[in-house]
Amino acid sequence: MCRILWHKKPLKLRRRAEFRLCKVFAFVLFLINTPQIKPGDPYKFVASLYEDSPVYVNVGTDKKPEISTLPTLKEDEEHKNKVLTLCMTFTQSGRYVLSGTSKGALNVIDLESLRVVHKMQVTNSSIKSIQLGPLGKNVVLNSTDRMIRLLAVPHPEPTTPEEEWDFEVKLKLQDFVNRRMWSSIKLTSTEDYVAATTFGHSDIYLWDTDVGSLTKIYDGPKEEMVDIDFHPSKSNMASTGLDSGDIHLWEAEMGQRWSALAPDFQELEANVEYEEREDEFDLIDEAEQTKRQLDKEEEDVDILTKHDTEYTHSFVIPLDLDDYDDTVELLDD
């Protein structure tokens, strides 16, 4: 198993075996590389083929599947060497496809006209994998130059020409120390973090997408993690092991918040020496406690003595408004 995806609905599983045979809901069998199912339509998908042009397939017909070849270059563009599409993903609407090429270009393909409507040269290295965030705000690219790039996805007006779309490069992430190559990349459900598995190692890196800082390096089972994906709504992630073929499930460690149960509970980050009052923890029998309570109730309350206390923000509406002025004069005397 070299591909794993969380599904938004239960009892749904999408997977791809490493011998490149992909089964799409038990309807059709194709020799493909990286299939992506169209949002809202499980009978249509795109796939990049090994050493061939990508295809757009419709298996929802009664007859044989409809296969349309997708372009790798713009209509007015020519290239001396053959350009291959290595990875693809749908936009949220399902009308456009984002594809990464062997020449480091990010193409936007319109599925209605079957042409490349926008191209951005991201790098001179091949783009191995691409993933659009669940919110559709960011897209993350993994290239052979050992660098992960986070791009902001434009949301232009309908009248804006496709050529003017601007994919802004927000972050460039890499391992400056070990210079490791990345196998799989994924954005979390909120797009606040991006994770990557390392080629030939068991480590999983996690970065903050706001500032690009490395948040944590996860080290779990002692085998290479091939693919990774995050749960759509929970703080969980799943990864696949290369040697064992097992699916490893990860979950966040939630700290206990006792203050949520008791509002007066104070959480301490370090030990604090507590000074106990003389009679704070003394055991008092019920009779003695009742006697003390009765003695307090029999004490006279002094309401005439003026106290040197700041009365700011301590105003209380009197019960008898007619006697309020007389009470104020009495306190001032």
C-alpha atoms as a PDB file:
ATOM      1  CA  MET A   1       0.000   0.000   0.000  1.00  0.00           C
ATOM      2  CA  CYS A   2       1.527   3.323  -1.027  1.00  0.00           C
ATOM      3  CA  ARG A   3      -1.468   5.682  -0.979  1.00  0.00           C
ATOM      4  CA  ILE A   4      -4.035   6.425   1.735  1.00  0.00           C
ATOM      5  CA  LEU A   5      -6.857   8.982   1.875  1.00  0.00           C
ATOM      6  CA  TRP A   6      -9.329   9.853   4.590  1.00  0.00           C
ATOM      7  CA  HIS A   7     -12.879   9.984   3.231  1.00  0.00           C
ATOM      8  CA  LYS A   8     -15.415  12.548   4.476  1.00  0.00           C
ATOM      9  CA  LYS A   9     -18.088   9.854   4.713  1.00  0.00           C
ATOM     10  CA  PRO A  10     -17.719   6.587   6.671  1.00  0.00           C
ATOM     11  CA  LEU A  11     -17.127   3.219   5.025  1.00  0.00           C
ATOM     12  CA  LYS A  12     -15.425   4.828   2.036  1.00  0.00           C
ATOM     13  CA  LEU A  13     -11.872   3.934   1.106  1.00  0.00           C
ATOM     14  CA  ARG A  14      -9.693   5.118  -1.733  1.00  0.00           C
ATOM     15  CA  ARG A  15      -6.366   3.435  -2.210  1.00  0.00           C
ATOM     16  CA  ARG A  16      -3.685   2.800  -4.814  1.00  0.00           C
ATOM     17  CA  ALA A  17      -1.347  -0.184  -4.829  1.00  0.00           C
ATOM     18  CA  GLU A  18       2.290   0.296  -5.687  1.00  0.00           C
ATOM     19  CA  PHE A  19       2.027  -1.833  -8.836  1.00  0.00           C
ATOM     20  CA  ARG A  20      -0.022   1.051 -10.299  1.00  0.00           C
ATOM     21  CA  LEU A  21      -3.348  -0.699 -10.696  1.00  0.00           C
ATOM     22  CA  CYS A  22      -6.195   1.475  -9.448  1.00  0.00           C
ATOM     23  CA  LYS A  23      -9.718   0.250  -8.875  1.00  0.00           C
ATOM     24  CA  VAL A  24     -12.326   3.031  -8.906  1.00  0.00           C
ATOM     25  CA  PHE A  25     -15.398   1.914  -6.937  1.00  0.00           C
ATOM     26  CA  ALA A  26     -15.260  -1.552  -8.579  1.00  0.00           C
ATOM     27  CA  PHE A  27     -16.327  -0.172 -11.962  1.00  0.00           C
ATOM     28  CA  VAL A  28     -13.180  -0.002 -14.063  1.00  0.00           C
ATOM     29  CA  LEU A  29      -9.562  -1.070 -13.995  1.00  0.00           C
ATOM     30  CA  PHE A  30      -6.898   1.248 -15.436  1.00  0.00           C
ATOM     31  CA  LEU A  31      -3.128   1.325 -15.643  1.00  0.00           C
ATOM     32  CA  ILE A  32      -2.521   4.786 -14.175  1.00  0.00           C
ATOM     33  CA  ASN A  33      -0.167   6.651 -11.886  1.00  0.00           C
ATOM     34  CA  THR A  34      -1.929   9.191  -9.658  1.00  0.00           C
ATOM     35  CA  PRO A  35      -5.748   9.134  -9.893  1.00  0.00           C
ATOM     36  CA  GLN A  36      -7.859  11.985  -8.535  1.00  0.00           C
ATOM     37  CA  ILE A  37     -11.654  11.637  -8.307  1.00  0.00           C
ATOM     38  CA  LYS A  38     -13.723  14.667  -9.273  1.00  0.00           C
ATOM     39  CA  PRO A  39     -15.446  16.425  -6.344  1.00  0.00           C
ATOM     40  CA  GLY A  40     -19.135  15.560  -6.238  1.00  0.00           C
ATOM     41  CA  ASP A  41     -18.925  12.978  -9.029  1.00  0.00           C
ATOM     42  CA  PRO A  42     -17.320   9.615  -8.147  1.00  0.00           C
ATOM     43  CA  TYR A  43     -17.633   8.389 -11.755  1.00  0.00           C
ATOM     44  CA  LYS A  44     -15.161  10.914 -13.182  1.00  0.00           C
ATOM     45  CA  PHE A  45     -11.467  11.203 -12.468  1.00  0.00           C
ATOM     46  CA  VAL A  46      -8.188  12.462 -13.898  1.00  0.00           C
ATOM     47  CA  ALA A  47      -4.913  10.590 -13.916  1.00  0.00           C
ATOM     48  CA  SER A  48      -1.360  11.158 -15.037  1.00  0.00           C
ATOM     49  CA  LEU A  49      -0.024   8.221 -17.015  1.00  0.00           C
ATOM     50  CA  TYR A  50       3.502   6.945 -16.932  1.00  0.00           C
ATOM     51  CA  GLU A  51       5.411   8.268 -19.969  1.00  0.00           C
ATOM     52  CA  ASP A  52       2.165   9.464 -21.573  1.00  0.00           C
ATOM     53  CA  SER A  53      -0.317  12.346 -21.592  1.00  0.00           C
ATOM     54  CA  PRO A  54      -2.787  12.686 -18.699  1.00  0.00           C
ATOM     55  CA  VAL A  55      -6.401  11.629 -19.175  1.00  0.00           C
ATOM     56  CA  TYR A  56      -9.864  12.648 -18.017  1.00  0.00           C
ATOM     57  CA  VAL A  57     -12.087   9.568 -17.627  1.00  0.00           C
ATOM     58  CA  ASN A  58     -15.847   9.201 -17.262  1.00  0.00           C
ATOM     59  CA  VAL A  59     -16.958   5.734 -16.137  1.00  0.00           C
ATOM     60  CA  GLY A  60     -20.560   6.706 -15.401  1.00  0.00           C
ATOM     61  CA  THR A  61     -21.848   5.743 -18.833  1.00  0.00           C
ATOM     62  CA  ASP A  62     -23.586   2.503 -19.796  1.00  0.00           C
ATOM     63  CA  LYS A  63     -21.106   1.968 -22.585  1.00  0.00           C
ATOM     64  CA  LYS A  64     -17.330   1.860 -22.445  1.00  0.00           C
ATOM     65  CA  PRO A  65     -15.585   4.601 -20.394  1.00  0.00           C
ATOM     66  CA  GLU A  66     -15.126   7.993 -22.068  1.00  0.00           C
ATOM     67  CA  ILE A  67     -11.449   8.953 -22.117  1.00  0.00           C
ATOM     68  CA  SER A  68     -10.244  12.468 -23.005  1.00  0.00           C
ATOM     69  CA  THR A  69      -6.567  13.335 -23.344  1.00  0.00           C
ATOM     70  CA  LEU A  70      -5.473  16.424 -21.418  1.00  0.00           C
ATOM     71  CA  PRO A  71      -2.750  18.789 -22.673  1.00  0.00           C
ATOM     72  CA  THR A  72       0.588  19.382 -20.995  1.00  0.00           C
ATOM     73  CA  LEU A  73       1.402  22.671 -22.770  1.00  0.00           C
ATOM     74  CA  LYS A  74      -0.496  25.786 -23.751  1.00  0.00           C
ATOM     75  CA  GLU A  75      -1.753  25.950 -27.334  1.00  0.00           C
ATOM     76  CA  ASP A  76       0.799  28.593 -28.381  1.00  0.00           C
ATOM     77  CA  GLU A  77       3.691  26.959 -26.511  1.00  0.00           C
ATOM     78  CA  GLU A  78       6.364  24.680 -27.889  1.00  0.00           C
ATOM     79  CA  HIS A  79       9.067  22.712 -26.110  1.00  0.00           C
ATOM     80  CA  LYS A  80      12.082  20.940 -27.525  1.00  0.00           C
ATOM     81  CA  ASN A  81      11.950  18.044 -25.077  1.00  0.00           C
ATOM     82  CA  LYS A  82       8.891  16.038 -24.109  1.00  0.00           C
ATOM     83  CA  VAL A  83       6.977  17.483 -21.159  1.00  0.00           C
ATOM     84  CA  LEU A  84       5.212  15.011 -18.873  1.00  0.00           C
ATOM     85  CA  THR A  85       2.472  15.614 -16.346  1.00  0.00           C
ATOM     86  CA  LEU A  86       3.559  13.903 -13.131  1.00  0.00           C
ATOM     87  CA  CYS A  87       0.773  14.846 -10.710  1.00  0.00           C
ATOM     88  CA  MET A  88      -2.727  16.332 -10.761  1.00  0.00           C
ATOM     89  CA  THR A  89      -5.469  17.533  -8.440  1.00  0.00           C
ATOM     90  CA  PHE A  90      -8.932  19.056  -8.817  1.00  0.00           C
ATOM     91  CA  THR A  91      -9.984  22.497  -7.672  1.00  0.00           C
ATOM     92  CA  GLN A  92     -12.940  22.685  -5.293  1.00  0.00           C
ATOM     93  CA  SER A  93     -15.424  23.424  -8.061  1.00  0.00           C
ATOM     94  CA  GLY A  94     -14.206  20.484 -10.146  1.00  0.00           C
ATOM     95  CA  ARG A  95     -14.015  22.543 -13.319  1.00  0.00           C
ATOM     96  CA  TYR A  96     -10.246  23.056 -13.282  1.00  0.00           C
ATOM     97  CA  VAL A  97      -7.334  20.703 -12.706  1.00  0.00           C
ATOM     98  CA  LEU A  98      -3.974  21.763 -11.271  1.00  0.00           C
ATOM     99  CA  SER A  99      -1.098  19.740 -12.692  1.00  0.00           C
ATOM    100  CA  GLY A 100       2.640  19.635 -12.097  1.00  0.00           C
ATOM    101  CA  THR A 101       5.012  18.867 -14.951  1.00  0.00           C
ATOM    102  CA  SER A 102       8.459  17.375 -15.332  1.00  0.00           C
ATOM    103  CA  LYS A 103       9.777  20.854 -16.188  1.00  0.00           C
ATOM    104  CA  GLY A 104       8.605  22.441 -12.923  1.00  0.00           C
ATOM    105  CA  ALA A 105       5.522  24.204 -14.284  1.00  0.00           C
ATOM    106  CA  LEU A 106       2.131  24.479 -12.610  1.00  0.00           C
ATOM    107  CA  ASN A 107      -0.648  24.231 -15.190  1.00  0.00           C
ATOM    108  CA  VAL A 108      -4.340  25.034 -14.818  1.00  0.00           C
ATOM    109  CA  ILE A 109      -6.434  22.888 -17.175  1.00  0.00           C
ATOM    110  CA  ASP A 110     -10.039  23.750 -18.016  1.00  0.00           C
ATOM    111  CA  LEU A 111     -12.013  20.502 -18.281  1.00  0.00           C
ATOM    112  CA  GLU A 112     -14.754  22.138 -20.353  1.00  0.00           C
ATOM    113  CA  SER A 113     -12.431  23.277 -23.141  1.00  0.00           C
ATOM    114  CA  LEU A 114      -9.677  20.690 -22.433  1.00  0.00           C
ATOM    115  CA  ARG A 115      -6.888  23.262 -22.705  1.00  0.00           C
ATOM    116  CA  VAL A 116      -4.250  24.831 -20.459  1.00  0.00           C
ATOM    117  CA  VAL A 117      -5.622  28.252 -19.486  1.00  0.00           C
ATOM    118  CA  HIS A 118      -2.835  29.299 -17.112  1.00  0.00           C
ATOM    119  CA  LYS A 119       0.802  28.369 -16.558  1.00  0.00           C
ATOM    120  CA  MET A 120       3.246  29.316 -13.808  1.00  0.00           C
ATOM    121  CA  GLN A 121       6.910  28.325 -13.812  1.00  0.00           C
ATOM    122  CA  VAL A 122       7.475  27.387 -10.168  1.00  0.00           C
ATOM    123  CA  THR A 123      10.877  25.683 -10.340  1.00  0.00           C
ATOM    124  CA  ASN A 124      13.331  24.158 -12.769  1.00  0.00           C
ATOM    125  CA  SER A 125      12.974  20.743 -11.118  1.00  0.00           C
ATOM    126  CA  SER A 126      10.205  18.216 -11.626  1.00  0.00           C
ATOM    127  CA  ILE A 127       7.068  18.550  -9.508  1.00  0.00           C
ATOM    128  CA  LYS A 128       6.499  15.097  -8.007  1.00  0.00           C
ATOM    129  CA  SER A 129       3.252  15.652  -6.119  1.00  0.00           C
ATOM    130  CA  ILE A 130       0.615  18.309  -5.611  1.00  0.00           C
ATOM    131  CA  GLN A 131      -2.187  18.724  -3.093  1.00  0.00           C
ATOM    132  CA  LEU A 132      -4.925  21.317  -2.767  1.00  0.00           C
ATOM    133  CA  GLY A 133      -5.906  22.222   0.781  1.00  0.00           C
ATOM    134  CA  PRO A 134      -9.367  21.193   2.030  1.00  0.00           C
ATOM    135  CA  LEU A 135     -10.400  24.859   2.243  1.00  0.00           C
ATOM    136  CA  GLY A 136      -9.137  25.622  -1.256  1.00  0.00           C
ATOM    137  CA  LYS A 137      -6.957  28.498  -0.046  1.00  0.00           C
ATOM    138  CA  ASN A 138      -3.521  26.921  -0.533  1.00  0.00           C
ATOM    139  CA  VAL A 139      -1.846  24.361  -2.732  1.00  0.00           C
ATOM    140  CA  VAL A 140       1.368  22.581  -1.766  1.00  0.00           C
ATOM    141  CA  LEU A 141       3.958  21.258  -4.235  1.00  0.00           C
ATOM    142  CA  ASN A 142       6.723  18.691  -3.765  1.00  0.00           C
ATOM    143  CA  SER A 143       9.589  18.852  -6.243  1.00  0.00           C
ATOM    144  CA  THR A 144      12.808  16.948  -6.850  1.00  0.00           C
ATOM    145  CA  ASP A 145      14.934  19.857  -5.587  1.00  0.00           C
ATOM    146  CA  ARG A 146      14.067  18.679  -2.032  1.00  0.00           C
ATOM    147  CA  MET A 147      11.906  21.724  -1.425  1.00  0.00           C
ATOM    148  CA  ILE A 148       8.215  22.046  -0.529  1.00  0.00           C
ATOM    149  CA  ARG A 149       6.414  25.136  -1.812  1.00  0.00           C
ATOM    150  CA  LEU A 150       3.172  26.525  -0.436  1.00  0.00           C
ATOM    151  CA  LEU A 151       1.212  28.651  -2.908  1.00  0.00           C
ATOM    152  CA  ALA A 152      -1.855  30.797  -2.300  1.00  0.00           C
ATOM    153  CA  VAL A 153      -4.708  29.849  -4.623  1.00  0.00           C
ATOM    154  CA  PRO A 154      -6.308  32.883  -6.308  1.00  0.00           C
ATOM    155  CA  HIS A 155     -10.058  33.391  -6.195  1.00  0.00           C
ATOM    156  CA  PRO A 156     -10.573  35.948  -8.968  1.00  0.00           C
ATOM    157  CA  GLU A 157     -13.761  37.449 -10.253  1.00  0.00           C
ATOM    158  CA  PRO A 158     -15.535  35.502 -13.022  1.00  0.00           C
ATOM    159  CA  THR A 159     -14.588  38.212 -15.524  1.00  0.00           C
ATOM    160  CA  THR A 160     -10.861  38.009 -14.735  1.00  0.00           C
ATOM    161  CA  PRO A 161      -8.913  36.329 -17.573  1.00  0.00           C
ATOM    162  CA  GLU A 162      -7.200  33.074 -16.650  1.00  0.00           C
ATOM    163  CA  GLU A 163      -3.839  34.476 -17.761  1.00  0.00           C
ATOM    164  CA  GLU A 164      -4.009  37.069 -14.959  1.00  0.00           C
ATOM    165  CA  TRP A 165      -4.470  34.555 -12.162  1.00  0.00           C
ATOM    166  CA  ASP A 166      -1.717  34.932  -9.578  1.00  0.00           C
ATOM    167  CA  PHE A 167      -0.449  31.933  -7.589  1.00  0.00           C
ATOM    168  CA  GLU A 168       1.675  33.567  -4.887  1.00  0.00           C
ATOM    169  CA  VAL A 169       4.503  31.501  -3.383  1.00  0.00           C
ATOM    170  CA  LYS A 170       4.016  31.947   0.366  1.00  0.00           C
ATOM    171  CA  LEU A 171       6.559  29.513   1.820  1.00  0.00           C
ATOM    172  CA  LYS A 172       9.521  27.377   0.804  1.00  0.00           C
ATOM    173  CA  LEU A 173      10.155  24.520   3.225  1.00  0.00           C
ATOM    174  CA  GLN A 174      13.141  22.198   3.351  1.00  0.00           C
ATOM    175  CA  ASP A 175      15.453  20.311   5.697  1.00  0.00           C
ATOM    176  CA  PHE A 176      18.513  22.557   5.858  1.00  0.00           C
ATOM    177  CA  VAL A 177      20.491  20.126   8.027  1.00  0.00           C
ATOM    178  CA  ASN A 178      19.970  16.683   6.500  1.00  0.00           C
ATOM    179  CA  ARG A 179      18.756  17.780   3.032  1.00  0.00           C
ATOM    180  CA  ARG A 180      16.171  15.010   2.978  1.00  0.00           C
ATOM    181  CA  MET A 181      13.854  14.265   0.082  1.00  0.00           C
ATOM    182  CA  TRP A 182      10.110  14.193   0.662  1.00  0.00           C
ATOM    183  CA  SER A 183       7.832  11.317  -0.293  1.00  0.00           C
ATOM    184  CA  SER A 184       4.354  12.653   0.499  1.00  0.00           C
ATOM    185  CA  ILE A 185       2.975  16.062   1.491  1.00  0.00           C
ATOM    186  CA  LYS A 186      -0.390  16.962   3.008  1.00  0.00           C
ATOM    187  CA  LEU A 187      -2.177  19.988   4.446  1.00  0.00           C
ATOM    188  CA  THR A 188      -4.315  19.678   7.560  1.00  0.00           C
ATOM    189  CA  SER A 189      -8.077  20.221   7.410  1.00  0.00           C
ATOM    190  CA  THR A 190      -7.652  23.842   8.550  1.00  0.00           C
ATOM    191  CA  GLU A 191      -4.572  24.396   6.341  1.00  0.00           C
ATOM    192  CA  ASP A 192      -2.682  25.670   9.400  1.00  0.00           C
ATOM    193  CA  TYR A 193      -0.019  22.974   9.086  1.00  0.00           C
ATOM    194  CA  VAL A 194       1.659  20.982   6.341  1.00  0.00           C
ATOM    195  CA  ALA A 195       3.209  17.560   6.921  1.00  0.00           C
ATOM    196  CA  ALA A 196       5.705  15.585   4.865  1.00  0.00           C
ATOM    197  CA  THR A 197       7.091  12.059   4.995  1.00  0.00           C
ATOM    198  CA  THR A 198      10.800  11.552   4.354  1.00  0.00           C
ATOM    199  CA  PHE A 199      12.236   9.298   1.672  1.00  0.00           C
ATOM    200  CA  GLY A 200      14.161   6.401   3.218  1.00  0.00           C
ATOM    201  CA  HIS A 201      13.389   7.448   6.810  1.00  0.00           C
ATOM    202  CA  SER A 202      10.577   7.080   9.325  1.00  0.00           C
ATOM    203  CA  ASP A 203      10.376  10.744  10.347  1.00  0.00           C
ATOM    204  CA  ILE A 204       7.317  12.897   9.620  1.00  0.00           C
ATOM    205  CA  TYR A 205       7.894  16.664   9.554  1.00  0.00           C
ATOM    206  CA  LEU A 206       5.212  19.205  10.506  1.00  0.00           C
ATOM    207  CA  TRP A 207       5.437  22.931   9.671  1.00  0.00           C
ATOM    208  CA  ASP A 208       3.321  25.932  10.604  1.00  0.00           C
ATOM    209  CA  THR A 209       1.943  27.507   7.414  1.00  0.00           C
ATOM    210  CA  ASP A 210       1.686  30.988   8.947  1.00  0.00           C
ATOM    211  CA  VAL A 211       5.391  31.572   9.577  1.00  0.00           C
ATOM    212  CA  GLY A 212       6.973  28.463   8.048  1.00  0.00           C
ATOM    213  CA  SER A 213       8.572  27.269  11.289  1.00  0.00           C
ATOM    214  CA  LEU A 214       9.187  23.583  11.932  1.00  0.00           C
ATOM    215  CA  THR A 215       6.688  22.627  14.652  1.00  0.00           C
ATOM    216  CA  LYS A 216       7.538  18.981  15.308  1.00  0.00           C
ATOM    217  CA  ILE A 217       9.279  15.907  13.939  1.00  0.00           C
ATOM    218  CA  TYR A 218       7.323  12.703  14.551  1.00  0.00           C
ATOM    219  CA  ASP A 219       9.247   9.466  14.921  1.00  0.00           C
ATOM    220  CA  GLY A 220       7.022   6.410  15.112  1.00  0.00           C
ATOM    221  CA  PRO A 221       7.436   2.913  13.648  1.00  0.00           C
ATOM    222  CA  LYS A 222      10.929   2.127  12.412  1.00  0.00           C
ATOM    223  CA  GLU A 223      10.040   1.982   8.739  1.00  0.00           C
ATOM    224  CA  GLU A 224       9.680   4.462   5.921  1.00  0.00           C
ATOM    225  CA  MET A 225       6.327   6.241   5.799  1.00  0.00           C
ATOM    226  CA  VAL A 226       5.178   6.298   2.172  1.00  0.00           C
ATOM    227  CA  ASP A 227       1.987   8.349   2.351  1.00  0.00           C
ATOM    228  CA  ILE A 228       0.163  10.456   4.926  1.00  0.00           C
ATOM    229  CA  ASP A 229      -3.257  12.051   5.278  1.00  0.00           C
ATOM    230  CA  PHE A 230      -5.191  13.988   7.927  1.00  0.00           C
ATOM    231  CA  HIS A 231      -8.668  13.332   9.293  1.00  0.00           C
ATOM    232  CA  PRO A 232     -11.247  15.788   7.866  1.00  0.00           C
ATOM    233  CA  SER A 233     -12.478  16.942  11.293  1.00  0.00           C
ATOM    234  CA  LYS A 234     -10.349  15.393  14.064  1.00  0.00           C
ATOM    235  CA  SER A 235      -6.742  15.871  15.159  1.00  0.00           C
ATOM    236  CA  ASN A 236      -5.733  12.514  13.706  1.00  0.00           C
ATOM    237  CA  MET A 237      -3.533  11.436  10.839  1.00  0.00           C
ATOM    238  CA  ALA A 238      -2.838   8.168   9.070  1.00  0.00           C
ATOM    239  CA  SER A 239       0.332   6.943   7.377  1.00  0.00           C
ATOM    240  CA  THR A 240       1.324   3.834   5.463  1.00  0.00           C
ATOM    241  CA  GLY A 241       4.469   1.837   6.150  1.00  0.00           C
ATOM    242  CA  LEU A 242       6.650   0.738   3.247  1.00  0.00           C
ATOM    243  CA  ASP A 243       8.012  -2.515   4.686  1.00  0.00           C
ATOM    244  CA  SER A 244       5.008  -3.844   6.587  1.00  0.00           C
ATOM    245  CA  GLY A 245       2.216  -2.321   4.518  1.00  0.00           C
ATOM    246  CA  ASP A 246       0.446  -1.410   7.764  1.00  0.00           C
ATOM    247  CA  ILE A 247      -1.675   1.698   8.204  1.00  0.00           C
ATOM    248  CA  HIS A 248      -0.501   3.654  11.243  1.00  0.00           C
ATOM    249  CA  LEU A 249      -2.999   5.936  12.987  1.00  0.00           C
ATOM    250  CA  TRP A 250      -1.745   8.959  14.919  1.00  0.00           C
ATOM    251  CA  GLU A 251      -3.658  11.154  17.350  1.00  0.00           C
ATOM    252  CA  ALA A 252      -2.835  14.337  19.225  1.00  0.00           C
ATOM    253  CA  GLU A 253      -2.130  14.213  22.946  1.00  0.00           C
ATOM    254  CA  MET A 254      -4.771  16.357  24.612  1.00  0.00           C
ATOM    255  CA  GLY A 255      -3.668  17.886  27.918  1.00  0.00           C
ATOM    256  CA  GLN A 256      -6.047  17.738  30.866  1.00  0.00           C
ATOM    257  CA  ARG A 257      -7.640  21.110  31.627  1.00  0.00           C
ATOM    258  CA  TRP A 258      -8.850  20.935  35.222  1.00  0.00           C
ATOM    259  CA  SER A 259      -9.724  24.631  35.159  1.00  0.00           C
ATOM    260  CA  ALA A 260     -12.595  23.815  32.805  1.00  0.00           C
ATOM    261  CA  LEU A 261     -14.201  21.746  35.585  1.00  0.00           C
ATOM    262  CA  ALA A 262     -13.415  24.078  38.493  1.00  0.00           C
ATOM    263  CA  PRO A 263     -13.255  27.810  37.600  1.00  0.00           C
ATOM    264  CA  ASP A 264     -11.228  28.602  40.743  1.00  0.00           C
ATOM    265  CA  PHE A 265      -8.629  25.936  39.929  1.00  0.00           C
ATOM    266  CA  GLN A 266      -5.248  27.438  39.083  1.00  0.00           C
ATOM    267  CA  GLU A 267      -2.894  25.532  36.803  1.00  0.00           C
ATOM    268  CA  LEU A 268       0.784  25.786  37.696  1.00  0.00           C
ATOM    269  CA  GLU A 269       3.691  25.351  35.319  1.00  0.00           C
ATOM    270  CA  ALA A 270       6.141  24.831  38.204  1.00  0.00           C
ATOM    271  CA  ASN A 271       6.033  23.891  41.880  1.00  0.00           C
ATOM    272  CA  VAL A 272       4.997  26.711  44.223  1.00  0.00           C
ATOM    273  CA  GLU A 273       5.512  26.676  48.007  1.00  0.00           C
ATOM    274  CA  TYR A 274       2.124  27.076  49.673  1.00  0.00           C
ATOM    275  CA  GLU A 275       1.794  28.808  53.049  1.00  0.00           C
ATOM    276  CA  GLU A 276      -0.906  27.136  55.097  1.00  0.00           C
ATOM    277  CA  ARG A 277      -3.034  29.168  57.471  1.00  0.00           C
ATOM    278  CA  GLU A 278      -2.963  28.058  61.090  1.00  0.00           C
ATOM    279  CA  ASP A 279      -6.464  26.602  61.163  1.00  0.00           C
ATOM    280  CA  GLU A 280      -7.014  26.057  57.439  1.00  0.00           C
ATOM    281  CA  PHE A 281      -7.063  22.280  57.505  1.00  0.00           C
ATOM    282  CA  ASP A 282      -8.080  21.736  61.137  1.00  0.00           C
ATOM    283  CA  LEU A 283     -10.830  19.194  61.695  1.00  0.00           C
ATOM    284  CA  ILE A 284     -13.805  20.831  63.411  1.00  0.00           C
ATOM    285  CA  ASP A 285     -16.740  18.786  64.621  1.00  0.00           C
ATOM    286  CA  GLU A 286     -20.211  19.668  63.450  1.00  0.00           C
ATOM    287  CA  ALA A 287     -21.349  21.052  66.808  1.00  0.00           C
ATOM    288  CA  GLU A 288     -18.427  23.460  67.056  1.00  0.00           C
ATOM    289  CA  GLN A 289     -18.941  24.603  63.468  1.00  0.00           C
ATOM    290  CA  THR A 290     -22.643  25.264  64.129  1.00  0.00           C
ATOM    291  CA  LYS A 291     -21.785  27.250  67.286  1.00  0.00           C
ATOM    292  CA  ARG A 292     -19.306  29.447  65.362  1.00  0.00           C
ATOM    293  CA  GLN A 293     -21.878  30.117  62.672  1.00  0.00           C
ATOM    294  CA  LEU A 294     -24.478  31.157  65.258  1.00  0.00           C
ATOM    295  CA  ASP A 295     -21.979  33.431  66.999  1.00  0.00           C
ATOM    296  CA  LYS A 296     -21.280  35.226  63.712  1.00  0.00           C
ATOM    297  CA  GLU A 297     -24.978  35.726  63.097  1.00  0.00           C
ATOM    298  CA  GLU A 298     -25.443  37.329  66.563  1.00  0.00           C
ATOM    299  CA  GLU A 299     -22.677  39.889  66.012  1.00  0.00           C
ATOM    300  CA  ASP A 300     -23.800  43.480  65.459  1.00  0.00           C
ATOM    301  CA  VAL A 301     -23.095  44.937  62.054  1.00  0.00           C
ATOM    302  CA  ASP A 302     -21.587  48.425  62.085  1.00  0.00           C
ATOM    303  CA  ILE A 303     -23.195  50.471  59.336  1.00  0.00           C
ATOM    304  CA  LEU A 304     -22.332  53.950  60.665  1.00  0.00           C
ATOM    305  CA  THR A 305     -18.535  53.942  60.845  1.00  0.00           C
ATOM    306  CA  LYS A 306     -16.829  55.470  57.825  1.00  0.00           C
ATOM    307  CA  HIS A 307     -14.079  53.313  56.345  1.00  0.00           C
ATOM    308  CA  ASP A 308     -11.182  54.666  54.288  1.00  0.00           C
ATOM    309  CA  THR A 309     -11.993  52.547  51.266  1.00  0.00           C
ATOM    310  CA  GLU A 310     -12.031  53.413  47.585  1.00  0.00           C
ATOM    311  CA  TYR A 311     -15.672  53.257  46.520  1.00  0.00           C
ATOM    312  CA  THR A 312     -15.006  53.467  42.810  1.00  0.00           C
ATOM    313  CA  HIS A 313     -16.990  50.844  40.895  1.00  0.00           C
ATOM    314  CA  SER A 314     -18.740  49.788  44.137  1.00  0.00           C
ATOM    315  CA  PHE A 315     -21.999  51.701  43.774  1.00  0.00           C
ATOM    316  CA  VAL A 316     -25.075  49.658  44.654  1.00  0.00           C
ATOM    317  CA  ILE A 317     -28.595  50.835  43.896  1.00  0.00           C
ATOM    318  CA  PRO A 318     -30.323  51.475  47.268  1.00  0.00           C
ATOM    319  CA  LEU A 319     -33.554  49.729  48.068  1.00  0.00           C
ATOM    320  CA  ASP A 320     -35.221  52.991  49.137  1.00  0.00           C
ATOM    321  CA  LEU A 321     -34.424  55.726  46.624  1.00  0.00           C
ATOM    322  CA  ASP A 322     -36.132  58.402  48.761  1.00  0.00           C
ATOM    323  CA  ASP A 323     -33.657  57.913  51.598  1.00  0.00           C
ATOM    324  CA  TYR A 324     -30.580  57.749  49.316  1.00  0.00           C
ATOM    325  CA  ASP A 325     -29.596  61.417  49.714  1.00  0.00           C
ATOM    326  CA  ASP A 326     -29.924  61.220  53.509  1.00  0.00           C
ATOM    327  CA  THR A 327     -27.711  58.121  53.568  1.00  0.00           C
ATOM    328  CA  VAL A 328     -24.986  59.826  51.494  1.00  0.00           C
ATOM    329  CA  GLU A 329     -24.989  62.878  53.780  1.00  0.00           C
ATOM    330  CA  LEU A 330     -24.746  60.597  56.830  1.00  0.00           C
ATOM    331  CA  LEU A 331     -21.705  58.795  55.392  1.00  0.00           C
ATOM    332  CA  ASP A 332     -19.962  62.067  54.496  1.00  0.00           C
ATOM    333  CA  ASP A 333     -20.330  63.496  58.049  1.00  0.00           C
END
